[in-house]
Amino acid sequence: MRLYVIRHSAAGNRSAWDKPDDLRPLSHKGRRQADAIADMLASAGIDRLVSSPSVRCVQSLEPLAQRLGQQVEIDERLAEGHDGEGALDLAEELRKKVDVAALCSHGDVIPDMLRILKATTARFKEPLLWPKASTWVLTWDGGTWSKARYIPPPEL
């Protein structure tokens, strides 16, 4: 199985947003990043798209969902403030059901997830980075999450 773990695209300045943070949408740059991610992953064979409930995460997957004719599913375990263990539990559930999936989450959940994998089973060739609109590709080898490969944010 392959799992694409995407950090949401650019969503503007948190301090300039006066509504609940989970409602903060993508910026113009973020929408362009989301389109570029969709271009990159449209032919990856993705069977399921799962997102944090935050608007910026859902919007980061929407262009890909449109290209694939799929819906973006919501899972609280990917929400900001949650831990990597919950995200890995979700990954385990997906692994049993599909061959390829994509998740979109936040800059606290993703590094926690990656640190757990690095400390246990996965080999990382690149340093742990997770800028907005970046992607990690995790590979299940039949017994463990064995490899993690970094894809930097799209160049616009």
N, C-alpha and C. Protein backbone atom coordinates (compact mmCIF):
# COMPACT_ATOMS: atom_id res chain seq x y z
N MET A 1 0.83 -1.18 0.00
CA MET A 1 0.00 0.00 0.00
C MET A 1 0.87 1.24 0.00
N ARG A 2 0.36 2.29 -0.66
CA ARG A 2 1.01 3.61 -0.62
C ARG A 2 0.04 4.58 0.04
N LEU A 3 0.59 5.41 0.90
CA LEU A 3 -0.20 6.44 1.57
C LEU A 3 0.47 7.78 1.36
N TYR A 4 -0.26 8.71 0.75
CA TYR A 4 0.22 10.07 0.54
C TYR A 4 -0.27 10.92 1.70
N VAL A 5 0.66 11.47 2.46
CA VAL A 5 0.33 12.30 3.62
C VAL A 5 0.67 13.75 3.26
N ILE A 6 -0.35 14.56 3.09
CA ILE A 6 -0.21 15.92 2.58
C ILE A 6 -0.46 16.92 3.69
N ARG A 7 0.45 17.87 3.83
CA ARG A 7 0.16 19.00 4.72
C ARG A 7 -0.65 20.00 3.91
N HIS A 8 -1.68 20.55 4.52
CA HIS A 8 -2.56 21.46 3.79
C HIS A 8 -1.77 22.58 3.12
N SER A 9 -2.32 23.10 2.06
CA SER A 9 -1.71 24.19 1.31
C SER A 9 -1.82 25.50 2.10
N ALA A 10 -1.20 26.55 1.57
CA ALA A 10 -1.15 27.86 2.24
C ALA A 10 -2.56 28.39 2.50
N ALA A 11 -2.75 28.88 3.71
CA ALA A 11 -4.07 29.37 4.12
C ALA A 11 -4.02 30.78 4.69
N GLY A 12 -2.99 31.50 4.42
CA GLY A 12 -2.92 32.86 4.93
C GLY A 12 -2.52 32.90 6.40
N ASN A 13 -2.50 34.08 6.93
CA ASN A 13 -2.03 34.32 8.29
C ASN A 13 -3.11 34.00 9.32
N ARG A 14 -2.81 33.10 10.22
CA ARG A 14 -3.75 32.70 11.27
C ARG A 14 -4.17 33.90 12.12
N SER A 15 -3.23 34.79 12.43
CA SER A 15 -3.55 35.92 13.31
C SER A 15 -4.44 36.96 12.62
N ALA A 16 -4.49 36.97 11.30
CA ALA A 16 -5.35 37.91 10.58
C ALA A 16 -6.78 37.38 10.41
N TRP A 17 -7.03 36.15 10.81
CA TRP A 17 -8.33 35.51 10.66
C TRP A 17 -9.08 35.65 11.98
N ASP A 18 -10.28 36.22 11.95
CA ASP A 18 -11.01 36.48 13.20
C ASP A 18 -12.15 35.51 13.47
N LYS A 19 -12.28 34.49 12.66
CA LYS A 19 -13.30 33.46 12.86
C LYS A 19 -12.63 32.21 13.42
N PRO A 20 -13.39 31.18 13.75
CA PRO A 20 -12.76 29.94 14.22
C PRO A 20 -11.72 29.44 13.21
N ASP A 21 -10.57 29.02 13.71
CA ASP A 21 -9.46 28.67 12.84
C ASP A 21 -9.78 27.50 11.91
N ASP A 22 -10.64 26.58 12.34
CA ASP A 22 -10.95 25.45 11.46
C ASP A 22 -11.75 25.88 10.24
N LEU A 23 -12.23 27.13 10.21
CA LEU A 23 -12.95 27.65 9.05
C LEU A 23 -12.05 28.45 8.10
N ARG A 24 -10.78 28.60 8.45
CA ARG A 24 -9.86 29.40 7.63
C ARG A 24 -9.63 28.71 6.28
N PRO A 25 -9.92 29.40 5.17
CA PRO A 25 -9.78 28.78 3.85
C PRO A 25 -8.37 28.94 3.29
N LEU A 26 -8.15 28.29 2.17
CA LEU A 26 -6.89 28.46 1.46
C LEU A 26 -6.78 29.87 0.90
N SER A 27 -5.57 30.35 0.84
CA SER A 27 -5.28 31.61 0.16
C SER A 27 -5.23 31.35 -1.35
N HIS A 28 -5.04 32.42 -2.12
CA HIS A 28 -4.89 32.26 -3.57
C HIS A 28 -3.71 31.31 -3.86
N LYS A 29 -2.60 31.53 -3.18
CA LYS A 29 -1.43 30.65 -3.36
C LYS A 29 -1.79 29.22 -2.98
N GLY A 30 -2.52 29.04 -1.90
CA GLY A 30 -2.92 27.71 -1.47
C GLY A 30 -3.79 26.99 -2.49
N ARG A 31 -4.69 27.73 -3.14
CA ARG A 31 -5.52 27.11 -4.18
C ARG A 31 -4.66 26.66 -5.36
N ARG A 32 -3.67 27.47 -5.71
CA ARG A 32 -2.76 27.07 -6.79
C ARG A 32 -1.95 25.84 -6.38
N GLN A 33 -1.51 25.80 -5.12
CA GLN A 33 -0.78 24.62 -4.63
C GLN A 33 -1.67 23.39 -4.68
N ALA A 34 -2.93 23.52 -4.26
CA ALA A 34 -3.86 22.38 -4.28
C ALA A 34 -4.05 21.87 -5.71
N ASP A 35 -4.16 22.77 -6.66
CA ASP A 35 -4.27 22.36 -8.07
C ASP A 35 -3.02 21.61 -8.52
N ALA A 36 -1.85 22.10 -8.11
CA ALA A 36 -0.59 21.45 -8.50
C ALA A 36 -0.46 20.07 -7.85
N ILE A 37 -0.90 19.95 -6.61
CA ILE A 37 -0.89 18.63 -5.95
C ILE A 37 -1.81 17.67 -6.71
N ALA A 38 -2.97 18.17 -7.12
CA ALA A 38 -3.90 17.34 -7.89
C ALA A 38 -3.26 16.89 -9.20
N ASP A 39 -2.56 17.80 -9.88
CA ASP A 39 -1.87 17.43 -11.12
C ASP A 39 -0.86 16.33 -10.85
N MET A 40 -0.12 16.46 -9.75
CA MET A 40 0.93 15.50 -9.42
C MET A 40 0.36 14.12 -9.07
N LEU A 41 -0.77 14.08 -8.36
CA LEU A 41 -1.29 12.81 -7.84
C LEU A 41 -2.46 12.22 -8.63
N ALA A 42 -2.91 12.90 -9.67
CA ALA A 42 -4.09 12.43 -10.40
C ALA A 42 -3.92 11.02 -10.96
N SER A 43 -2.71 10.64 -11.31
CA SER A 43 -2.49 9.31 -11.90
C SER A 43 -1.86 8.32 -10.91
N ALA A 44 -1.91 8.63 -9.62
CA ALA A 44 -1.28 7.78 -8.61
C ALA A 44 -2.12 6.58 -8.20
N GLY A 45 -3.33 6.47 -8.72
CA GLY A 45 -4.18 5.33 -8.38
C GLY A 45 -4.84 5.44 -7.02
N ILE A 46 -5.08 6.64 -6.55
CA ILE A 46 -5.64 6.86 -5.22
C ILE A 46 -7.09 6.39 -5.17
N ASP A 47 -7.38 5.56 -4.16
CA ASP A 47 -8.71 4.99 -3.96
C ASP A 47 -9.55 5.78 -2.97
N ARG A 48 -8.92 6.45 -2.01
CA ARG A 48 -9.64 7.18 -0.96
C ARG A 48 -8.91 8.46 -0.62
N LEU A 49 -9.68 9.50 -0.32
CA LEU A 49 -9.17 10.80 0.12
C LEU A 49 -9.77 11.10 1.48
N VAL A 50 -8.92 11.34 2.47
CA VAL A 50 -9.40 11.58 3.83
C VAL A 50 -8.72 12.84 4.36
N SER A 51 -9.51 13.69 5.00
CA SER A 51 -9.01 14.98 5.43
C SER A 51 -9.39 15.28 6.87
N SER A 52 -8.59 16.14 7.48
CA SER A 52 -8.98 16.83 8.69
C SER A 52 -10.27 17.58 8.38
N PRO A 53 -11.10 17.84 9.39
CA PRO A 53 -12.31 18.61 9.13
C PRO A 53 -12.06 20.09 8.83
N SER A 54 -10.85 20.59 9.04
CA SER A 54 -10.56 22.00 8.77
C SER A 54 -10.75 22.32 7.29
N VAL A 55 -11.36 23.46 7.03
CA VAL A 55 -11.66 23.87 5.66
C VAL A 55 -10.41 23.86 4.80
N ARG A 56 -9.29 24.35 5.32
CA ARG A 56 -8.07 24.42 4.51
C ARG A 56 -7.57 23.05 4.09
N CYS A 57 -7.80 22.03 4.91
CA CYS A 57 -7.40 20.67 4.53
C CYS A 57 -8.35 20.10 3.47
N VAL A 58 -9.63 20.26 3.69
CA VAL A 58 -10.60 19.77 2.70
C VAL A 58 -10.35 20.44 1.36
N GLN A 59 -10.16 21.77 1.37
CA GLN A 59 -9.91 22.49 0.12
C GLN A 59 -8.61 22.05 -0.54
N SER A 60 -7.65 21.60 0.24
CA SER A 60 -6.38 21.13 -0.34
C SER A 60 -6.57 19.85 -1.14
N LEU A 61 -7.59 19.07 -0.81
CA LEU A 61 -7.86 17.82 -1.53
C LEU A 61 -8.95 17.95 -2.59
N GLU A 62 -9.74 19.01 -2.56
CA GLU A 62 -10.87 19.11 -3.48
C GLU A 62 -10.50 19.05 -4.97
N PRO A 63 -9.44 19.74 -5.43
CA PRO A 63 -9.12 19.60 -6.86
C PRO A 63 -8.79 18.16 -7.25
N LEU A 64 -8.10 17.44 -6.37
CA LEU A 64 -7.79 16.03 -6.64
C LEU A 64 -9.07 15.20 -6.63
N ALA A 65 -9.94 15.45 -5.68
CA ALA A 65 -11.22 14.73 -5.61
C ALA A 65 -12.02 14.93 -6.89
N GLN A 66 -12.05 16.16 -7.40
CA GLN A 66 -12.77 16.44 -8.64
C GLN A 66 -12.18 15.66 -9.81
N ARG A 67 -10.86 15.63 -9.90
CA ARG A 67 -10.22 14.90 -11.00
C ARG A 67 -10.48 13.40 -10.92
N LEU A 68 -10.54 12.89 -9.69
CA LEU A 68 -10.72 11.45 -9.49
C LEU A 68 -12.19 11.03 -9.43
N GLY A 69 -13.10 11.99 -9.36
CA GLY A 69 -14.51 11.67 -9.21
C GLY A 69 -14.82 11.06 -7.86
N GLN A 70 -14.13 11.54 -6.84
CA GLN A 70 -14.29 11.02 -5.48
C GLN A 70 -14.76 12.13 -4.54
N GLN A 71 -15.18 11.72 -3.37
CA GLN A 71 -15.52 12.65 -2.29
C GLN A 71 -14.36 12.70 -1.31
N VAL A 72 -14.21 13.84 -0.65
CA VAL A 72 -13.24 13.96 0.44
C VAL A 72 -13.94 13.54 1.72
N GLU A 73 -13.43 12.49 2.35
CA GLU A 73 -13.98 12.03 3.62
C GLU A 73 -13.31 12.81 4.76
N ILE A 74 -14.04 12.99 5.84
CA ILE A 74 -13.54 13.73 7.00
C ILE A 74 -13.25 12.74 8.13
N ASP A 75 -12.11 12.95 8.79
CA ASP A 75 -11.78 12.13 9.96
C ASP A 75 -11.14 13.02 11.02
N GLU A 76 -11.74 13.06 12.17
CA GLU A 76 -11.27 13.90 13.29
C GLU A 76 -9.84 13.57 13.72
N ARG A 77 -9.39 12.35 13.49
CA ARG A 77 -8.03 11.97 13.91
C ARG A 77 -6.96 12.77 13.17
N LEU A 78 -7.34 13.42 12.07
CA LEU A 78 -6.39 14.24 11.32
C LEU A 78 -6.47 15.72 11.70
N ALA A 79 -7.37 16.06 12.63
CA ALA A 79 -7.58 17.46 13.01
C ALA A 79 -6.40 18.00 13.80
N GLU A 80 -6.20 19.30 13.65
CA GLU A 80 -5.14 19.97 14.40
C GLU A 80 -5.36 19.73 15.89
N GLY A 81 -4.27 19.49 16.60
CA GLY A 81 -4.34 19.21 18.02
C GLY A 81 -4.40 17.73 18.36
N HIS A 82 -4.58 16.88 17.36
CA HIS A 82 -4.57 15.44 17.60
C HIS A 82 -3.14 14.93 17.44
N ASP A 83 -2.94 13.67 17.74
CA ASP A 83 -1.57 13.13 17.70
C ASP A 83 -1.37 12.19 16.52
N GLY A 84 -0.11 11.85 16.31
CA GLY A 84 0.26 10.96 15.22
C GLY A 84 -0.26 9.55 15.37
N GLU A 85 -0.48 9.11 16.60
CA GLU A 85 -1.00 7.75 16.82
C GLU A 85 -2.37 7.58 16.17
N GLY A 86 -3.24 8.58 16.33
CA GLY A 86 -4.56 8.51 15.72
C GLY A 86 -4.47 8.47 14.21
N ALA A 87 -3.58 9.28 13.64
CA ALA A 87 -3.38 9.28 12.19
C ALA A 87 -2.87 7.93 11.72
N LEU A 88 -1.98 7.31 12.49
CA LEU A 88 -1.47 5.99 12.13
C LEU A 88 -2.55 4.92 12.29
N ASP A 89 -3.44 5.07 13.26
CA ASP A 89 -4.58 4.16 13.37
C ASP A 89 -5.45 4.25 12.12
N LEU A 90 -5.69 5.46 11.65
CA LEU A 90 -6.46 5.65 10.41
C LEU A 90 -5.72 5.01 9.24
N ALA A 91 -4.41 5.23 9.16
CA ALA A 91 -3.62 4.63 8.07
C ALA A 91 -3.75 3.11 8.09
N GLU A 92 -3.74 2.53 9.28
CA GLU A 92 -3.89 1.08 9.40
C GLU A 92 -5.26 0.62 8.89
N GLU A 93 -6.30 1.36 9.22
CA GLU A 93 -7.64 1.01 8.73
C GLU A 93 -7.70 1.10 7.20
N LEU A 94 -7.13 2.15 6.65
CA LEU A 94 -7.13 2.31 5.20
C LEU A 94 -6.33 1.22 4.52
N ARG A 95 -5.21 0.85 5.12
CA ARG A 95 -4.34 -0.18 4.56
C ARG A 95 -5.09 -1.48 4.33
N LYS A 96 -6.02 -1.78 5.19
CA LYS A 96 -6.78 -3.03 5.10
C LYS A 96 -7.88 -2.97 4.04
N LYS A 97 -8.17 -1.75 3.53
CA LYS A 97 -9.30 -1.59 2.61
C LYS A 97 -8.91 -1.17 1.20
N VAL A 98 -7.80 -0.45 1.05
CA VAL A 98 -7.44 0.10 -0.27
C VAL A 98 -5.95 -0.07 -0.53
N ASP A 99 -5.58 0.11 -1.78
CA ASP A 99 -4.17 0.01 -2.16
C ASP A 99 -3.44 1.35 -2.07
N VAL A 100 -4.16 2.44 -2.35
CA VAL A 100 -3.54 3.76 -2.35
C VAL A 100 -4.54 4.76 -1.75
N ALA A 101 -4.07 5.58 -0.82
CA ALA A 101 -4.92 6.60 -0.21
C ALA A 101 -4.11 7.87 -0.02
N ALA A 102 -4.84 8.97 0.17
CA ALA A 102 -4.21 10.25 0.48
C ALA A 102 -4.90 10.86 1.69
N LEU A 103 -4.09 11.39 2.59
CA LEU A 103 -4.58 12.07 3.79
C LEU A 103 -4.12 13.52 3.74
N CYS A 104 -4.91 14.42 4.30
CA CYS A 104 -4.48 15.81 4.45
C CYS A 104 -4.65 16.21 5.90
N SER A 105 -3.56 16.74 6.48
CA SER A 105 -3.59 17.10 7.89
C SER A 105 -2.74 18.35 8.13
N HIS A 106 -2.26 18.50 9.34
CA HIS A 106 -1.67 19.74 9.84
C HIS A 106 -0.21 19.58 10.27
N GLY A 107 0.39 20.73 10.56
CA GLY A 107 1.79 20.81 10.95
C GLY A 107 2.09 20.36 12.35
N ASP A 108 1.13 19.80 13.07
CA ASP A 108 1.41 19.16 14.36
C ASP A 108 1.19 17.65 14.26
N VAL A 109 0.16 17.24 13.54
CA VAL A 109 -0.17 15.81 13.40
C VAL A 109 0.88 15.10 12.54
N ILE A 110 1.23 15.69 11.40
CA ILE A 110 2.14 15.03 10.46
C ILE A 110 3.52 14.79 11.07
N PRO A 111 4.17 15.78 11.69
CA PRO A 111 5.49 15.49 12.26
C PRO A 111 5.44 14.44 13.36
N ASP A 112 4.36 14.44 14.14
CA ASP A 112 4.24 13.43 15.19
C ASP A 112 4.13 12.04 14.57
N MET A 113 3.35 11.93 13.53
CA MET A 113 3.20 10.67 12.79
C MET A 113 4.55 10.21 12.23
N LEU A 114 5.28 11.14 11.61
CA LEU A 114 6.58 10.80 11.01
C LEU A 114 7.60 10.39 12.06
N ARG A 115 7.61 11.09 13.18
CA ARG A 115 8.57 10.74 14.25
C ARG A 115 8.31 9.34 14.80
N ILE A 116 7.04 8.99 14.93
CA ILE A 116 6.69 7.64 15.40
C ILE A 116 7.21 6.60 14.41
N LEU A 117 6.96 6.84 13.13
CA LEU A 117 7.41 5.88 12.12
C LEU A 117 8.94 5.78 12.08
N LYS A 118 9.60 6.92 12.18
CA LYS A 118 11.07 6.92 12.13
C LYS A 118 11.65 6.16 13.33
N ALA A 119 11.01 6.29 14.47
CA ALA A 119 11.50 5.62 15.68
C ALA A 119 11.18 4.13 15.70
N THR A 120 10.30 3.69 14.82
CA THR A 120 9.88 2.29 14.87
C THR A 120 10.26 1.52 13.61
N THR A 121 9.62 1.80 12.48
CA THR A 121 9.77 0.88 11.35
C THR A 121 10.28 1.48 10.06
N ALA A 122 10.03 2.75 9.81
CA ALA A 122 10.27 3.30 8.47
C ALA A 122 11.68 3.84 8.29
N ARG A 123 12.19 3.67 7.05
CA ARG A 123 13.46 4.27 6.65
C ARG A 123 13.16 5.59 5.95
N PHE A 124 13.89 6.62 6.36
CA PHE A 124 13.74 7.95 5.78
C PHE A 124 15.04 8.32 5.10
N LYS A 125 14.97 8.68 3.82
CA LYS A 125 16.17 9.15 3.12
C LYS A 125 16.37 10.64 3.33
N GLU A 126 15.27 11.37 3.49
CA GLU A 126 15.33 12.81 3.63
C GLU A 126 15.11 13.19 5.09
N PRO A 127 15.54 14.40 5.47
CA PRO A 127 15.25 14.87 6.83
C PRO A 127 13.75 15.10 6.99
N LEU A 128 13.32 15.11 8.23
CA LEU A 128 11.90 15.34 8.50
C LEU A 128 11.56 16.80 8.26
N LEU A 129 10.79 17.05 7.23
CA LEU A 129 10.31 18.37 6.86
C LEU A 129 8.82 18.27 6.61
N TRP A 130 8.08 19.34 6.84
CA TRP A 130 6.65 19.30 6.58
C TRP A 130 6.09 20.69 6.28
N PRO A 131 6.70 21.42 5.33
CA PRO A 131 6.14 22.72 4.98
C PRO A 131 4.75 22.56 4.35
N LYS A 132 4.00 23.64 4.32
CA LYS A 132 2.67 23.61 3.72
C LYS A 132 2.76 23.14 2.27
N ALA A 133 1.82 22.30 1.89
CA ALA A 133 1.70 21.72 0.55
C ALA A 133 2.76 20.67 0.24
N SER A 134 3.47 20.21 1.25
CA SER A 134 4.42 19.11 1.03
C SER A 134 3.70 17.77 1.21
N THR A 135 4.33 16.72 0.71
CA THR A 135 3.74 15.39 0.76
C THR A 135 4.79 14.38 1.19
N TRP A 136 4.39 13.46 2.03
CA TRP A 136 5.20 12.28 2.36
C TRP A 136 4.51 11.07 1.77
N VAL A 137 5.27 10.20 1.13
CA VAL A 137 4.74 8.96 0.58
C VAL A 137 5.23 7.83 1.46
N LEU A 138 4.29 7.18 2.14
CA LEU A 138 4.61 6.05 3.01
C LEU A 138 4.29 4.75 2.29
N THR A 139 5.18 3.78 2.42
CA THR A 139 5.00 2.50 1.75
C THR A 139 4.90 1.38 2.78
N TRP A 140 3.85 0.59 2.64
CA TRP A 140 3.64 -0.60 3.46
C TRP A 140 4.23 -1.77 2.71
N ASP A 141 5.11 -2.54 3.34
CA ASP A 141 5.78 -3.64 2.65
C ASP A 141 5.16 -5.00 2.93
N GLY A 142 3.99 -5.02 3.54
CA GLY A 142 3.34 -6.28 3.87
C GLY A 142 3.42 -6.60 5.34
N GLY A 143 4.30 -5.92 6.06
CA GLY A 143 4.42 -6.15 7.50
C GLY A 143 4.56 -4.88 8.31
N THR A 144 5.10 -3.84 7.69
CA THR A 144 5.29 -2.57 8.39
C THR A 144 5.28 -1.41 7.39
N TRP A 145 5.15 -0.21 7.92
CA TRP A 145 5.40 0.98 7.11
C TRP A 145 6.91 1.06 7.02
N SER A 146 7.46 0.71 5.87
CA SER A 146 8.90 0.51 5.78
C SER A 146 9.66 1.67 5.15
N LYS A 147 9.02 2.47 4.31
CA LYS A 147 9.72 3.55 3.62
C LYS A 147 8.90 4.83 3.70
N ALA A 148 9.64 5.94 3.74
CA ALA A 148 9.00 7.26 3.72
C ALA A 148 9.82 8.14 2.78
N ARG A 149 9.14 8.71 1.79
CA ARG A 149 9.80 9.56 0.80
C ARG A 149 9.14 10.92 0.78
N TYR A 150 9.94 11.95 0.78
CA TYR A 150 9.48 13.34 0.84
C TYR A 150 9.31 13.93 -0.56
N ILE A 151 8.19 14.62 -0.76
CA ILE A 151 7.97 15.40 -1.98
C ILE A 151 7.76 16.84 -1.54
N PRO A 152 8.63 17.75 -1.98
CA PRO A 152 8.49 19.14 -1.55
C PRO A 152 7.23 19.79 -2.12
N PRO A 153 6.85 20.94 -1.57
CA PRO A 153 5.70 21.66 -2.10
C PRO A 153 5.89 21.95 -3.59
N PRO A 154 4.79 22.01 -4.33
CA PRO A 154 4.93 22.29 -5.76
C PRO A 154 5.52 23.69 -5.98
N GLU A 155 6.33 23.79 -7.02
CA GLU A 155 6.86 25.09 -7.41
C GLU A 155 5.80 25.77 -8.27
N LEU A 156 5.50 26.98 -7.93
CA LEU A 156 4.44 27.71 -8.67
C LEU A 156 5.04 28.78 -9.55
